[in-house]
Amino acid sequence: MLNRVILIGRLTKDPELRYTPSGVAVTQFTLAVDRPFTSQGGEREADFLPIVTWRQLAETCANYLRKGRLTAVEGRVQVRNYENNEGKRVYVTEIVADNVRFLESNRDSGNGGGNSGGGMREESPFGVGNSNSGHGNNNSRNNQDPFSDDGKPIDISDDDLPF
């Protein structure tokens, strides 16, 4: 069986970062994804899909994604249900993302959302996968390029390596 989704669209608003009672970060945002056809009136339609990210990926999305940013999301479809205050069963369908790619930099989204660079451009950090390592997010970088050449050696611990 396979439950895998890949979407490319734009955020409808800034992501909402929250923490569970046990301290796990969770971010929710909505991705507007164009349909591949137009309506009878010639208008383009879109689907508005709820996206959920967890842990380090959630913190990274909250720090770097903003309304209008072109973003790729890879994950799985999840349907959950709960009973609301009126006793009715409510079903929620959402995408649980385990990989998010930033397809344009802040400069690109600031000039009308187009990608003036001609190719896919990413902002630091370069597309992010879900990390269960438990390490906190380093907010002190302030959008600096982690690979800029400042002449100093890069300190990388074994915990940071994917292999």
N, C-alpha and C. Protein backbone atom coordinates (compact mmCIF):
# COMPACT_ATOMS: atom_id res chain seq x y z
N MET A 1 0.84 -1.18 0.00
CA MET A 1 0.00 0.00 0.00
C MET A 1 0.88 1.24 0.00
N LEU A 2 0.35 2.30 -0.54
CA LEU A 2 1.14 3.53 -0.67
C LEU A 2 0.26 4.73 -0.35
N ASN A 3 0.75 5.61 0.48
CA ASN A 3 0.07 6.85 0.82
C ASN A 3 1.13 7.94 0.74
N ARG A 4 1.30 8.55 -0.42
CA ARG A 4 2.33 9.55 -0.65
C ARG A 4 1.77 10.68 -1.49
N VAL A 5 2.05 11.91 -1.09
CA VAL A 5 1.54 13.09 -1.77
C VAL A 5 2.69 14.06 -2.01
N ILE A 6 2.72 14.67 -3.20
CA ILE A 6 3.65 15.75 -3.49
C ILE A 6 2.83 16.91 -4.03
N LEU A 7 2.95 18.06 -3.40
CA LEU A 7 2.18 19.24 -3.77
C LEU A 7 3.10 20.44 -3.95
N ILE A 8 2.75 21.33 -4.88
CA ILE A 8 3.43 22.61 -5.02
C ILE A 8 2.36 23.67 -5.06
N GLY A 9 2.48 24.66 -4.18
CA GLY A 9 1.50 25.73 -4.12
C GLY A 9 2.02 26.89 -3.29
N ARG A 10 1.12 27.81 -2.98
CA ARG A 10 1.49 29.00 -2.21
C ARG A 10 0.74 29.01 -0.88
N LEU A 11 1.42 29.48 0.16
CA LEU A 11 0.80 29.57 1.48
C LEU A 11 -0.27 30.65 1.47
N THR A 12 -1.41 30.37 2.10
CA THR A 12 -2.49 31.35 2.16
C THR A 12 -2.33 32.31 3.32
N LYS A 13 -1.53 31.92 4.33
CA LYS A 13 -1.22 32.80 5.46
C LYS A 13 0.03 32.25 6.14
N ASP A 14 0.59 33.02 7.05
CA ASP A 14 1.79 32.59 7.77
C ASP A 14 1.47 31.32 8.57
N PRO A 15 2.45 30.41 8.70
CA PRO A 15 2.24 29.19 9.49
C PRO A 15 1.99 29.51 10.96
N GLU A 16 1.22 28.65 11.61
CA GLU A 16 0.93 28.79 13.04
C GLU A 16 1.73 27.74 13.80
N LEU A 17 2.65 28.19 14.64
CA LEU A 17 3.47 27.28 15.43
C LEU A 17 2.87 27.13 16.82
N ARG A 18 2.72 25.87 17.26
CA ARG A 18 2.23 25.57 18.60
C ARG A 18 3.08 24.45 19.16
N TYR A 19 2.91 24.22 20.45
CA TYR A 19 3.62 23.12 21.11
C TYR A 19 2.61 22.26 21.84
N THR A 20 2.80 20.94 21.77
CA THR A 20 1.94 20.02 22.51
C THR A 20 2.26 20.15 24.00
N PRO A 21 1.40 19.62 24.87
CA PRO A 21 1.71 19.68 26.30
C PRO A 21 3.05 19.04 26.66
N SER A 22 3.51 18.09 25.85
CA SER A 22 4.82 17.46 26.12
C SER A 22 5.97 18.21 25.47
N GLY A 23 5.69 19.36 24.82
CA GLY A 23 6.74 20.21 24.27
C GLY A 23 7.13 19.93 22.83
N VAL A 24 6.36 19.15 22.10
CA VAL A 24 6.66 18.85 20.71
C VAL A 24 6.08 19.95 19.82
N ALA A 25 6.92 20.50 18.93
CA ALA A 25 6.49 21.57 18.03
C ALA A 25 5.60 21.01 16.92
N VAL A 26 4.54 21.74 16.61
CA VAL A 26 3.65 21.40 15.50
C VAL A 26 3.25 22.70 14.79
N THR A 27 3.34 22.68 13.48
CA THR A 27 2.99 23.85 12.68
C THR A 27 1.89 23.46 11.70
N GLN A 28 0.92 24.36 11.54
CA GLN A 28 -0.15 24.16 10.58
C GLN A 28 -0.19 25.35 9.62
N PHE A 29 -0.41 25.04 8.34
CA PHE A 29 -0.61 26.10 7.34
C PHE A 29 -1.44 25.52 6.20
N THR A 30 -1.95 26.40 5.37
CA THR A 30 -2.77 25.98 4.23
C THR A 30 -2.03 26.30 2.95
N LEU A 31 -2.00 25.33 2.05
CA LEU A 31 -1.34 25.47 0.76
C LEU A 31 -2.40 25.56 -0.33
N ALA A 32 -2.36 26.63 -1.12
CA ALA A 32 -3.27 26.78 -2.26
C ALA A 32 -2.59 26.18 -3.49
N VAL A 33 -3.22 25.13 -4.05
CA VAL A 33 -2.65 24.41 -5.18
C VAL A 33 -3.60 24.56 -6.36
N ASP A 34 -3.09 25.13 -7.47
CA ASP A 34 -3.91 25.33 -8.67
C ASP A 34 -4.35 24.00 -9.25
N ARG A 35 -5.58 23.97 -9.73
CA ARG A 35 -6.07 22.81 -10.47
C ARG A 35 -5.55 22.91 -11.91
N PRO A 36 -5.41 21.78 -12.59
CA PRO A 36 -4.79 21.81 -13.93
C PRO A 36 -5.74 22.24 -15.05
N PHE A 37 -6.89 22.79 -14.70
CA PHE A 37 -7.85 23.21 -15.72
C PHE A 37 -8.53 24.49 -15.25
N THR A 38 -9.28 25.13 -16.15
CA THR A 38 -10.02 26.33 -15.79
C THR A 38 -11.51 26.01 -15.79
N SER A 39 -12.28 26.83 -15.10
CA SER A 39 -13.73 26.64 -15.06
C SER A 39 -14.34 27.06 -16.40
N GLN A 40 -15.65 26.87 -16.55
CA GLN A 40 -16.32 27.24 -17.79
C GLN A 40 -16.19 28.73 -18.06
N GLY A 41 -16.07 29.51 -17.00
CA GLY A 41 -15.90 30.96 -17.16
C GLY A 41 -14.47 31.36 -17.45
N GLY A 42 -13.57 30.37 -17.58
CA GLY A 42 -12.17 30.66 -17.88
C GLY A 42 -11.34 31.01 -16.65
N GLU A 43 -11.93 30.84 -15.48
CA GLU A 43 -11.20 31.18 -14.25
C GLU A 43 -10.43 29.98 -13.73
N ARG A 44 -9.29 30.25 -13.16
CA ARG A 44 -8.45 29.20 -12.58
C ARG A 44 -8.97 28.87 -11.17
N GLU A 45 -9.11 27.60 -10.87
CA GLU A 45 -9.56 27.18 -9.55
C GLU A 45 -8.40 26.59 -8.78
N ALA A 46 -8.52 26.58 -7.47
CA ALA A 46 -7.46 26.03 -6.62
C ALA A 46 -8.08 25.22 -5.49
N ASP A 47 -7.28 24.30 -4.98
CA ASP A 47 -7.65 23.56 -3.78
C ASP A 47 -6.84 24.13 -2.63
N PHE A 48 -7.45 24.22 -1.46
CA PHE A 48 -6.79 24.76 -0.27
C PHE A 48 -6.61 23.61 0.71
N LEU A 49 -5.38 23.15 0.82
CA LEU A 49 -5.09 21.93 1.55
C LEU A 49 -4.38 22.21 2.87
N PRO A 50 -4.92 21.68 3.98
CA PRO A 50 -4.26 21.89 5.27
C PRO A 50 -3.02 21.00 5.39
N ILE A 51 -1.91 21.62 5.81
CA ILE A 51 -0.63 20.93 5.97
C ILE A 51 -0.23 20.98 7.44
N VAL A 52 0.31 19.87 7.94
CA VAL A 52 0.79 19.78 9.32
C VAL A 52 2.24 19.30 9.29
N THR A 53 3.11 19.96 10.05
CA THR A 53 4.48 19.51 10.21
C THR A 53 4.79 19.37 11.69
N TRP A 54 5.75 18.52 12.01
CA TRP A 54 6.08 18.24 13.40
C TRP A 54 7.56 18.45 13.68
N ARG A 55 7.89 18.67 14.93
CA ARG A 55 9.24 18.73 15.50
C ARG A 55 10.11 19.80 14.82
N GLN A 56 11.33 19.44 14.46
CA GLN A 56 12.27 20.41 13.88
C GLN A 56 11.73 21.01 12.59
N LEU A 57 11.10 20.19 11.78
CA LEU A 57 10.52 20.68 10.53
C LEU A 57 9.46 21.75 10.81
N ALA A 58 8.68 21.57 11.86
CA ALA A 58 7.66 22.55 12.23
C ALA A 58 8.29 23.88 12.60
N GLU A 59 9.35 23.85 13.38
CA GLU A 59 10.02 25.10 13.78
C GLU A 59 10.67 25.78 12.58
N THR A 60 11.25 25.00 11.69
CA THR A 60 11.88 25.57 10.50
C THR A 60 10.83 26.23 9.60
N CYS A 61 9.70 25.56 9.39
CA CYS A 61 8.63 26.14 8.57
C CYS A 61 8.12 27.44 9.19
N ALA A 62 7.93 27.45 10.51
CA ALA A 62 7.45 28.65 11.18
C ALA A 62 8.44 29.80 11.05
N ASN A 63 9.73 29.50 11.03
CA ASN A 63 10.76 30.55 10.94
C ASN A 63 10.95 31.09 9.53
N TYR A 64 10.77 30.26 8.51
CA TYR A 64 11.14 30.67 7.15
C TYR A 64 9.98 30.85 6.18
N LEU A 65 8.86 30.18 6.39
CA LEU A 65 7.75 30.31 5.44
C LEU A 65 6.87 31.49 5.78
N ARG A 66 6.35 32.14 4.77
CA ARG A 66 5.44 33.27 4.93
C ARG A 66 4.33 33.17 3.89
N LYS A 67 3.28 33.91 4.14
CA LYS A 67 2.14 33.97 3.22
C LYS A 67 2.63 34.29 1.81
N GLY A 68 2.12 33.54 0.82
CA GLY A 68 2.44 33.79 -0.57
C GLY A 68 3.65 33.05 -1.09
N ARG A 69 4.45 32.45 -0.22
CA ARG A 69 5.67 31.75 -0.66
C ARG A 69 5.33 30.49 -1.43
N LEU A 70 6.00 30.30 -2.57
CA LEU A 70 5.87 29.08 -3.35
C LEU A 70 6.62 27.96 -2.63
N THR A 71 5.92 26.86 -2.36
CA THR A 71 6.47 25.82 -1.50
C THR A 71 6.08 24.44 -2.03
N ALA A 72 7.00 23.49 -1.94
CA ALA A 72 6.71 22.10 -2.26
C ALA A 72 6.59 21.33 -0.96
N VAL A 73 5.61 20.46 -0.89
CA VAL A 73 5.36 19.67 0.30
C VAL A 73 5.27 18.21 -0.11
N GLU A 74 5.95 17.35 0.64
CA GLU A 74 5.87 15.91 0.41
C GLU A 74 5.46 15.26 1.73
N GLY A 75 4.49 14.36 1.66
CA GLY A 75 4.04 13.73 2.89
C GLY A 75 2.97 12.70 2.61
N ARG A 76 2.05 12.55 3.57
CA ARG A 76 0.99 11.56 3.45
C ARG A 76 -0.36 12.18 3.83
N VAL A 77 -1.42 11.62 3.29
CA VAL A 77 -2.78 12.05 3.62
C VAL A 77 -3.19 11.36 4.91
N GLN A 78 -3.76 12.14 5.81
CA GLN A 78 -4.24 11.58 7.08
C GLN A 78 -5.67 12.06 7.30
N VAL A 79 -6.54 11.15 7.68
CA VAL A 79 -7.91 11.49 8.04
C VAL A 79 -8.08 11.16 9.51
N ARG A 80 -8.47 12.16 10.28
CA ARG A 80 -8.72 11.94 11.70
C ARG A 80 -10.12 12.44 12.02
N ASN A 81 -10.64 12.04 13.16
CA ASN A 81 -11.98 12.50 13.53
C ASN A 81 -12.02 12.73 15.04
N TYR A 82 -12.98 13.56 15.41
CA TYR A 82 -13.20 13.87 16.82
C TYR A 82 -14.65 14.26 17.01
N GLU A 83 -15.08 14.31 18.26
CA GLU A 83 -16.45 14.70 18.57
C GLU A 83 -16.42 16.16 19.03
N ASN A 84 -17.20 17.02 18.36
CA ASN A 84 -17.20 18.44 18.72
C ASN A 84 -18.09 18.71 19.94
N ASN A 85 -18.21 19.98 20.32
CA ASN A 85 -18.97 20.36 21.52
C ASN A 85 -20.45 19.99 21.43
N GLU A 86 -20.97 19.88 20.21
CA GLU A 86 -22.38 19.54 20.02
C GLU A 86 -22.60 18.03 19.93
N GLY A 87 -21.53 17.26 20.11
CA GLY A 87 -21.65 15.81 20.06
C GLY A 87 -21.63 15.22 18.67
N LYS A 88 -21.31 16.02 17.65
CA LYS A 88 -21.26 15.53 16.28
C LYS A 88 -19.84 15.07 15.95
N ARG A 89 -19.73 14.02 15.16
CA ARG A 89 -18.44 13.51 14.71
C ARG A 89 -17.94 14.40 13.57
N VAL A 90 -16.73 14.94 13.70
CA VAL A 90 -16.13 15.81 12.69
C VAL A 90 -14.91 15.10 12.10
N TYR A 91 -14.84 15.05 10.77
CA TYR A 91 -13.72 14.42 10.08
C TYR A 91 -12.82 15.50 9.50
N VAL A 92 -11.52 15.33 9.67
CA VAL A 92 -10.54 16.29 9.17
C VAL A 92 -9.56 15.53 8.27
N THR A 93 -9.40 16.01 7.04
CA THR A 93 -8.41 15.45 6.11
C THR A 93 -7.29 16.46 5.98
N GLU A 94 -6.04 16.01 6.18
CA GLU A 94 -4.89 16.91 6.13
C GLU A 94 -3.69 16.17 5.59
N ILE A 95 -2.69 16.93 5.20
CA ILE A 95 -1.43 16.37 4.72
C ILE A 95 -0.42 16.50 5.85
N VAL A 96 0.15 15.37 6.27
CA VAL A 96 1.22 15.38 7.27
C VAL A 96 2.53 15.37 6.49
N ALA A 97 3.23 16.50 6.49
CA ALA A 97 4.43 16.66 5.68
C ALA A 97 5.66 16.15 6.41
N ASP A 98 6.51 15.46 5.66
CA ASP A 98 7.80 15.06 6.21
C ASP A 98 8.95 15.67 5.43
N ASN A 99 8.62 16.44 4.39
CA ASN A 99 9.63 17.14 3.61
C ASN A 99 9.00 18.40 3.04
N VAL A 100 9.64 19.54 3.26
CA VAL A 100 9.15 20.81 2.76
C VAL A 100 10.30 21.50 2.04
N ARG A 101 10.06 21.98 0.84
CA ARG A 101 11.07 22.70 0.05
C ARG A 101 10.61 24.13 -0.17
N PHE A 102 11.51 25.07 0.07
CA PHE A 102 11.22 26.48 -0.18
C PHE A 102 11.66 26.77 -1.61
N LEU A 103 10.72 27.06 -2.49
CA LEU A 103 11.02 27.16 -3.92
C LEU A 103 11.40 28.56 -4.37
N GLU A 104 11.34 29.52 -3.49
CA GLU A 104 11.79 30.87 -3.84
C GLU A 104 12.26 31.56 -2.58
N SER A 105 13.14 32.52 -2.76
CA SER A 105 13.66 33.24 -1.60
C SER A 105 12.72 34.38 -1.24
N ASN A 106 12.98 35.03 -0.13
CA ASN A 106 12.16 36.19 0.27
C ASN A 106 12.21 37.28 -0.78
N ARG A 107 13.35 37.44 -1.44
CA ARG A 107 13.46 38.45 -2.49
C ARG A 107 12.48 38.17 -3.61
N ASP A 108 12.35 36.88 -3.99
CA ASP A 108 11.44 36.52 -5.08
C ASP A 108 9.99 36.77 -4.71
N SER A 109 9.59 36.40 -3.48
CA SER A 109 8.19 36.56 -3.10
C SER A 109 7.84 38.02 -2.87
N GLY A 110 8.83 38.86 -2.62
CA GLY A 110 8.58 40.28 -2.40
C GLY A 110 8.26 41.05 -3.66
N ASN A 111 8.59 40.49 -4.84
CA ASN A 111 8.32 41.22 -6.08
C ASN A 111 7.17 40.61 -6.86
N GLY A 112 6.12 40.23 -6.15
CA GLY A 112 4.93 39.74 -6.82
C GLY A 112 4.85 38.23 -6.90
N GLY A 113 5.78 37.53 -6.27
CA GLY A 113 5.69 36.09 -6.22
C GLY A 113 6.36 35.38 -7.37
N GLY A 114 6.85 36.10 -8.36
CA GLY A 114 7.50 35.44 -9.48
C GLY A 114 8.89 35.01 -9.10
N ASN A 115 9.42 34.07 -9.86
CA ASN A 115 10.78 33.61 -9.61
C ASN A 115 11.66 34.21 -10.69
N SER A 116 12.26 35.35 -10.40
CA SER A 116 13.02 36.06 -11.40
C SER A 116 14.35 35.41 -11.70
N GLY A 117 14.76 34.42 -10.92
CA GLY A 117 16.05 33.79 -11.12
C GLY A 117 16.06 32.79 -12.25
N GLY A 118 14.91 32.41 -12.77
CA GLY A 118 14.85 31.51 -13.90
C GLY A 118 14.89 30.04 -13.51
N GLY A 119 15.28 29.72 -12.29
CA GLY A 119 15.34 28.34 -11.86
C GLY A 119 14.82 28.23 -10.45
N MET A 120 14.82 27.01 -9.93
CA MET A 120 14.36 26.82 -8.57
C MET A 120 15.40 27.37 -7.62
N ARG A 121 15.00 28.30 -6.77
CA ARG A 121 15.91 28.87 -5.79
C ARG A 121 15.38 28.59 -4.42
N GLU A 122 16.28 28.24 -3.53
CA GLU A 122 15.87 27.91 -2.18
C GLU A 122 16.50 28.88 -1.21
N GLU A 123 15.86 29.00 -0.05
CA GLU A 123 16.39 29.82 1.01
C GLU A 123 16.91 28.91 2.11
N SER A 124 17.87 29.36 2.83
CA SER A 124 18.43 28.59 3.93
C SER A 124 17.35 28.26 4.96
N PRO A 125 17.33 27.07 5.49
CA PRO A 125 18.06 25.92 5.01
C PRO A 125 17.39 25.33 3.80
N PHE A 126 18.15 24.68 2.98
CA PHE A 126 17.80 24.27 1.64
C PHE A 126 16.72 23.23 1.58
N GLY A 127 15.53 23.31 1.77
CA GLY A 127 14.59 22.21 1.74
C GLY A 127 14.85 21.35 2.95
N VAL A 128 13.83 21.04 3.69
CA VAL A 128 14.04 20.45 4.99
C VAL A 128 13.25 19.18 5.12
N GLY A 129 13.89 18.15 5.60
CA GLY A 129 13.21 16.90 5.89
C GLY A 129 12.94 16.82 7.38
N ASN A 130 12.08 15.92 7.76
CA ASN A 130 11.74 15.76 9.17
C ASN A 130 12.93 15.17 9.91
N SER A 131 13.29 15.76 11.01
CA SER A 131 14.40 15.26 11.81
C SER A 131 13.88 14.90 13.19
N ASN A 132 14.14 13.69 13.60
CA ASN A 132 13.71 13.27 14.92
C ASN A 132 14.86 13.27 15.91
N SER A 133 15.91 14.03 15.62
CA SER A 133 17.10 14.01 16.46
C SER A 133 16.89 14.74 17.77
N GLY A 134 15.84 15.57 17.88
CA GLY A 134 15.56 16.26 19.13
C GLY A 134 16.37 17.51 19.34
N HIS A 135 17.20 17.89 18.38
CA HIS A 135 17.98 19.11 18.54
C HIS A 135 17.11 20.33 18.33
N GLY A 136 17.33 21.38 19.07
CA GLY A 136 16.56 22.60 18.93
C GLY A 136 16.97 23.37 17.70
N ASN A 137 16.18 24.35 17.31
CA ASN A 137 16.47 25.16 16.15
C ASN A 137 17.37 26.32 16.55
N ASN A 138 18.34 26.63 15.74
CA ASN A 138 19.26 27.72 16.01
C ASN A 138 18.69 29.01 15.42
N ASN A 139 18.04 29.82 16.24
CA ASN A 139 17.41 31.03 15.75
C ASN A 139 18.39 32.19 15.61
N SER A 140 19.65 32.02 16.01
CA SER A 140 20.58 33.13 16.01
C SER A 140 21.19 33.38 14.64
N ARG A 141 20.89 32.54 13.65
CA ARG A 141 21.51 32.71 12.34
C ARG A 141 20.93 33.88 11.57
N ASN A 142 19.69 34.26 11.83
CA ASN A 142 19.05 35.39 11.17
C ASN A 142 19.15 35.32 9.65
N ASN A 143 18.78 34.20 9.09
CA ASN A 143 18.73 34.01 7.64
C ASN A 143 20.09 34.11 6.96
N GLN A 144 21.18 33.89 7.67
CA GLN A 144 22.50 33.92 7.06
C GLN A 144 22.71 32.63 6.28
N ASP A 145 23.46 32.71 5.19
CA ASP A 145 23.79 31.54 4.41
C ASP A 145 24.78 30.69 5.19
N PRO A 146 24.41 29.46 5.58
CA PRO A 146 25.32 28.65 6.38
C PRO A 146 26.54 28.18 5.60
N PHE A 147 26.53 28.34 4.27
CA PHE A 147 27.64 27.89 3.45
C PHE A 147 28.46 29.05 2.88
N SER A 148 28.25 30.24 3.39
CA SER A 148 29.05 31.37 2.91
C SER A 148 30.49 31.16 3.31
N ASP A 149 31.41 31.59 2.48
CA ASP A 149 32.84 31.37 2.71
C ASP A 149 33.39 32.51 3.54
N ASP A 150 33.53 32.29 4.84
CA ASP A 150 34.10 33.31 5.70
C ASP A 150 35.52 32.96 6.11
N GLY A 151 36.10 31.89 5.50
CA GLY A 151 37.47 31.52 5.77
C GLY A 151 37.66 30.65 6.99
N LYS A 152 36.61 30.37 7.72
CA LYS A 152 36.72 29.55 8.92
C LYS A 152 36.26 28.13 8.63
N PRO A 153 36.85 27.15 9.32
CA PRO A 153 36.37 25.77 9.12
C PRO A 153 34.96 25.62 9.67
N ILE A 154 34.20 24.72 9.07
CA ILE A 154 32.83 24.47 9.49
C ILE A 154 32.86 23.35 10.51
N ASP A 155 32.22 23.58 11.66
CA ASP A 155 32.15 22.59 12.73
C ASP A 155 30.89 21.78 12.57
N ILE A 156 31.04 20.50 12.20
CA ILE A 156 29.90 19.62 12.00
C ILE A 156 30.08 18.41 12.91
N SER A 157 29.07 18.15 13.74
CA SER A 157 29.13 16.97 14.60
C SER A 157 28.55 15.77 13.87
N ASP A 158 28.86 14.59 14.34
CA ASP A 158 28.34 13.37 13.73
C ASP A 158 26.81 13.30 13.78
N ASP A 159 26.21 13.97 14.75
CA ASP A 159 24.75 13.98 14.86
C ASP A 159 24.08 14.71 13.71
N ASP A 160 24.82 15.62 13.04
CA ASP A 160 24.26 16.40 11.95
C ASP A 160 24.30 15.67 10.62
N LEU A 161 25.07 14.59 10.54
CA LEU A 161 25.23 13.88 9.28
C LEU A 161 24.08 12.90 9.05
N PRO A 162 23.59 12.78 7.81
CA PRO A 162 22.44 11.92 7.53
C PRO A 162 22.81 10.45 7.40
N PHE A 163 24.05 10.09 7.55
CA PHE A 163 24.47 8.69 7.36
C PHE A 163 25.33 8.21 8.50
